[in-house]
Amino acid sequence: MKKVFNIVLIVVMLTGLIGVLTGCKKDELDPNKEYVSINIPSNGSTYNQTGYMILDENVLKVKKVDYEDTSKYKDRTGYTTNNLYYFEGVKQGNTEVWVIDMYPEEVLDIRKYEVSVDANLNAKIINSQVLENVRVKSDSISFKNSVKDIEVNFEDTGIAKNMYVSAWPNTINVIGIKTGNTIMTVKEKDGSNKKYNVKVDSNLNVEIEEM
């Protein structure tokens, strides 16, 4: 029994060692893969904010974010930090990343990055476009508590999506992608669901109504 125990112990130790040597941290970049890197600034203590959304999250996702050190701004308000987001391929295909500058419920500028993911899940930007002063109305829903644990789903993500912006932690910001209507379901931490009708007009203005 002692020899069997020793063999099992050695196997367990070797397995753990291999895991340490070959395993990657959750946000560690694979040197053998290509990632899309986009600077997405964060505006401290101001109404003007910047966020992003991925049009097809089945194709692309955020892998890692390098946040600028904000300690040097501790005695200032209205500062802007530069945060580098790394996006990785999930499956082969094309999608877009929109980086959006906005005031609450008003889109100001949109930077669109068209991204291609190949069969090896390498991601690269193949086209980019900047739309300045678009003045499109978005819509939002605010909650008493942080929405980080809230699940937001759209029946048609080709019509509207939720924008991710850290400066408004209690708010869901909905951006129009194309004309149409879709249903947004918000599942809260306690398991309750609320449904909203999201209407996007021909100018991409958004209106949300609770159902």
Protein backbone atom coordinates (compact mmCIF):
# COMPACT_ATOMS: atom_id res chain seq x y z
CA MET A 1 0.00 0.00 0.00
CA LYS A 2 2.88 2.32 0.77
CA LYS A 3 4.31 2.03 -2.76
CA VAL A 4 0.88 2.71 -4.30
CA PHE A 5 0.44 5.73 -2.04
CA ASN A 6 3.88 7.07 -3.04
CA ILE A 7 3.09 6.64 -6.75
CA VAL A 8 -0.24 8.48 -6.37
CA LEU A 9 1.46 11.26 -4.44
CA ILE A 10 4.12 11.68 -7.14
CA VAL A 11 1.44 11.81 -9.87
CA VAL A 12 -0.51 14.47 -7.95
CA MET A 13 2.64 16.55 -7.41
CA LEU A 14 3.64 16.29 -11.08
CA THR A 15 0.12 17.27 -12.18
CA GLY A 16 0.23 20.32 -9.93
CA LEU A 17 3.68 21.29 -11.19
CA ILE A 18 2.61 21.00 -14.82
CA GLY A 19 -0.40 23.19 -14.03
CA VAL A 20 1.86 25.84 -12.52
CA LEU A 21 4.29 25.73 -15.45
CA THR A 22 1.73 25.68 -18.27
CA GLY A 23 -1.33 27.36 -16.79
CA CYS A 24 -2.20 30.94 -17.63
CA LYS A 25 -3.80 33.48 -15.38
CA LYS A 26 -7.29 34.54 -16.36
CA ASP A 27 -6.13 37.86 -17.83
CA GLU A 28 -2.71 36.75 -19.07
CA LEU A 29 -2.12 37.22 -22.79
CA ASP A 30 -1.03 34.24 -24.87
CA PRO A 31 2.18 35.24 -26.74
CA ASN A 32 1.16 32.96 -29.61
CA LYS A 33 -2.15 34.76 -30.24
CA GLU A 34 -3.03 38.11 -31.78
CA TYR A 35 -5.26 40.44 -29.77
CA VAL A 36 -7.01 43.68 -30.62
CA SER A 37 -5.90 46.48 -28.30
CA ILE A 38 -8.01 49.64 -28.01
CA ASN A 39 -7.52 52.63 -25.74
CA ILE A 40 -10.78 53.36 -23.91
CA PRO A 41 -10.41 56.43 -21.66
CA SER A 42 -12.17 56.81 -18.35
CA ASN A 43 -13.28 60.25 -17.22
CA GLY A 44 -13.06 60.82 -13.50
CA SER A 45 -15.77 62.80 -11.69
CA THR A 46 -17.35 64.27 -14.83
CA TYR A 47 -20.63 63.75 -16.64
CA ASN A 48 -18.92 63.08 -19.95
CA GLN A 49 -18.12 59.35 -20.02
CA THR A 50 -16.71 56.78 -22.42
CA GLY A 51 -17.84 53.18 -22.72
CA TYR A 52 -17.76 50.33 -25.19
CA MET A 53 -19.86 47.52 -26.58
CA ILE A 54 -19.10 44.44 -28.66
CA LEU A 55 -21.79 43.85 -31.27
CA ASP A 56 -21.32 40.06 -31.30
CA GLU A 57 -19.96 38.68 -28.04
CA ASN A 58 -19.94 35.18 -29.52
CA VAL A 59 -17.02 36.30 -31.71
CA LEU A 60 -15.04 38.60 -29.39
CA LYS A 61 -14.62 39.27 -25.68
CA VAL A 62 -12.44 41.34 -23.36
CA LYS A 63 -9.40 39.40 -22.19
CA LYS A 64 -7.48 41.97 -20.17
CA VAL A 65 -7.48 45.64 -19.20
CA ASP A 66 -4.37 47.64 -18.30
CA TYR A 67 -5.68 50.49 -16.17
CA GLU A 68 -3.68 53.67 -15.78
CA ASP A 69 -2.59 54.41 -12.22
CA THR A 70 -5.01 57.07 -10.89
CA SER A 71 -3.19 57.82 -7.64
CA LYS A 72 -1.54 60.88 -9.18
CA TYR A 73 -5.02 62.36 -9.79
CA LYS A 74 -6.26 61.92 -6.21
CA ASP A 75 -6.46 65.69 -5.58
CA ARG A 76 -8.03 66.51 -8.95
CA THR A 77 -11.45 66.29 -10.55
CA GLY A 78 -12.28 66.06 -14.23
CA TYR A 79 -9.22 64.03 -15.18
CA THR A 80 -9.11 61.43 -17.97
CA THR A 81 -7.17 58.17 -17.71
CA ASN A 82 -6.07 55.95 -20.58
CA ASN A 83 -7.00 52.29 -20.19
CA LEU A 84 -5.82 49.72 -22.71
CA TYR A 85 -8.38 46.99 -23.42
CA TYR A 86 -7.29 43.71 -25.02
CA PHE A 87 -9.99 41.84 -26.96
CA GLU A 88 -9.58 38.16 -27.86
CA GLY A 89 -11.26 35.98 -30.43
CA VAL A 90 -13.86 33.50 -29.23
CA LYS A 91 -14.82 32.01 -32.59
CA GLN A 92 -14.09 32.70 -36.25
CA GLY A 93 -16.04 35.57 -37.75
CA ASN A 94 -16.38 39.35 -37.94
CA THR A 95 -17.86 41.81 -35.49
CA GLU A 96 -17.48 45.43 -34.35
CA VAL A 97 -16.36 47.17 -31.18
CA TRP A 98 -17.98 50.56 -30.62
CA VAL A 99 -16.23 53.03 -28.31
CA ILE A 100 -18.78 55.66 -27.34
CA ASP A 101 -18.35 59.09 -25.78
CA MET A 102 -21.53 60.36 -24.18
CA TYR A 103 -23.31 62.40 -21.57
CA PRO A 104 -26.14 60.64 -19.71
CA GLU A 105 -28.68 59.63 -22.37
CA GLU A 106 -26.89 61.45 -25.19
CA VAL A 107 -24.29 59.91 -27.47
CA LEU A 108 -21.64 62.37 -28.67
CA ASP A 109 -19.02 60.43 -30.66
CA ILE A 110 -18.70 56.83 -31.81
CA ARG A 111 -15.50 55.08 -32.88
CA LYS A 112 -16.29 51.86 -34.74
CA TYR A 113 -13.67 49.14 -35.06
CA GLU A 114 -14.44 46.26 -37.42
CA VAL A 115 -12.65 43.17 -36.12
CA SER A 116 -11.92 39.89 -37.89
CA VAL A 117 -11.21 36.65 -36.00
CA ASP A 118 -9.53 33.83 -37.93
CA ALA A 119 -9.71 30.05 -37.49
CA ASN A 120 -6.87 30.17 -34.95
CA LEU A 121 -8.78 32.81 -32.93
CA ASN A 122 -6.33 35.57 -33.80
CA ALA A 123 -8.13 38.93 -33.77
CA LYS A 124 -7.24 42.04 -35.75
CA ILE A 125 -8.82 45.36 -36.73
CA ILE A 126 -9.60 45.45 -40.46
CA ASN A 127 -11.40 48.80 -40.60
CA SER A 128 -12.17 51.75 -38.34
CA GLN A 129 -14.50 54.74 -38.55
CA VAL A 130 -15.01 57.80 -36.37
CA LEU A 131 -18.45 59.44 -36.18
CA GLU A 132 -18.14 62.82 -34.47
CA ASN A 133 -20.95 64.91 -32.97
CA VAL A 134 -23.59 62.36 -33.84
CA ARG A 135 -25.95 63.63 -31.10
CA VAL A 136 -27.95 60.45 -30.83
CA LYS A 137 -30.26 60.00 -27.83
CA SER A 138 -29.67 56.85 -25.81
CA ASP A 139 -31.80 55.70 -22.89
CA SER A 140 -30.99 54.24 -19.50
CA ILE A 141 -32.41 52.57 -16.40
CA SER A 142 -30.97 53.27 -12.97
CA PHE A 143 -30.95 51.02 -9.91
CA LYS A 144 -30.33 51.59 -6.22
CA ASN A 145 -27.60 48.97 -6.17
CA SER A 146 -24.75 48.20 -8.53
CA VAL A 147 -25.77 46.44 -11.75
CA LYS A 148 -22.60 44.32 -11.90
CA ASP A 149 -24.59 41.26 -10.76
CA ILE A 150 -27.60 42.03 -12.98
CA GLU A 151 -28.07 39.98 -16.15
CA VAL A 152 -29.24 41.96 -19.20
CA ASN A 153 -30.49 40.16 -22.32
CA PHE A 154 -31.92 41.45 -25.61
CA GLU A 155 -34.10 39.35 -27.90
CA ASP A 156 -32.37 41.00 -30.88
CA THR A 157 -28.87 42.29 -30.16
CA GLY A 158 -28.71 43.62 -33.72
CA ILE A 159 -31.17 46.39 -32.76
CA ALA A 160 -29.87 47.55 -29.37
CA LYS A 161 -27.30 46.60 -26.74
CA ASN A 162 -26.15 47.61 -23.30
CA MET A 163 -23.02 49.76 -23.19
CA TYR A 164 -20.38 48.97 -20.58
CA VAL A 165 -19.22 52.04 -18.69
CA SER A 166 -17.64 51.90 -15.24
CA ALA A 167 -18.45 55.46 -14.20
CA TRP A 168 -22.18 54.78 -13.88
CA PRO A 169 -22.16 51.55 -11.86
CA ASN A 170 -25.89 51.65 -11.09
CA THR A 171 -27.08 52.33 -14.63
CA ILE A 172 -27.87 50.26 -17.72
CA ASN A 173 -27.08 52.36 -20.80
CA VAL A 174 -28.84 51.18 -23.97
CA ILE A 175 -27.46 52.17 -27.38
CA GLY A 176 -29.32 51.83 -30.68
CA ILE A 177 -27.66 49.87 -33.48
CA LYS A 178 -30.36 49.84 -36.15
CA THR A 179 -34.06 50.75 -36.53
CA GLY A 180 -36.51 48.37 -34.88
CA ASN A 181 -38.03 47.09 -31.67
CA THR A 182 -36.68 44.48 -29.27
CA ILE A 183 -37.38 43.19 -25.78
CA MET A 184 -34.83 43.69 -23.00
CA THR A 185 -35.01 41.37 -19.99
CA VAL A 186 -33.29 42.42 -16.78
CA LYS A 187 -32.72 39.65 -14.24
CA GLU A 188 -31.82 40.99 -10.82
CA LYS A 189 -29.74 39.35 -8.10
CA ASP A 190 -32.83 38.14 -6.23
CA GLY A 191 -33.98 36.24 -9.33
CA SER A 192 -36.77 38.65 -10.31
CA ASN A 193 -37.21 39.55 -13.98
CA LYS A 194 -38.38 42.76 -15.57
CA LYS A 195 -39.07 43.19 -19.27
CA TYR A 196 -38.72 46.40 -21.26
CA ASN A 197 -39.71 47.33 -24.79
CA VAL A 198 -36.77 49.01 -26.52
CA LYS A 199 -37.59 51.13 -29.56
CA VAL A 200 -34.90 52.44 -31.91
CA ASP A 201 -35.95 54.99 -34.54
CA SER A 202 -34.39 55.70 -37.93
CA ASN A 203 -31.94 58.17 -36.33
CA LEU A 204 -30.90 55.53 -33.76
CA ASN A 205 -32.59 57.37 -30.90
CA VAL A 206 -33.57 54.93 -28.15
CA GLU A 207 -36.70 54.80 -25.99
CA ILE A 208 -37.25 52.26 -23.19
CA GLU A 209 -40.66 51.37 -21.74
CA GLU A 210 -41.29 48.90 -18.93
CA MET A 211 -43.76 46.21 -19.98
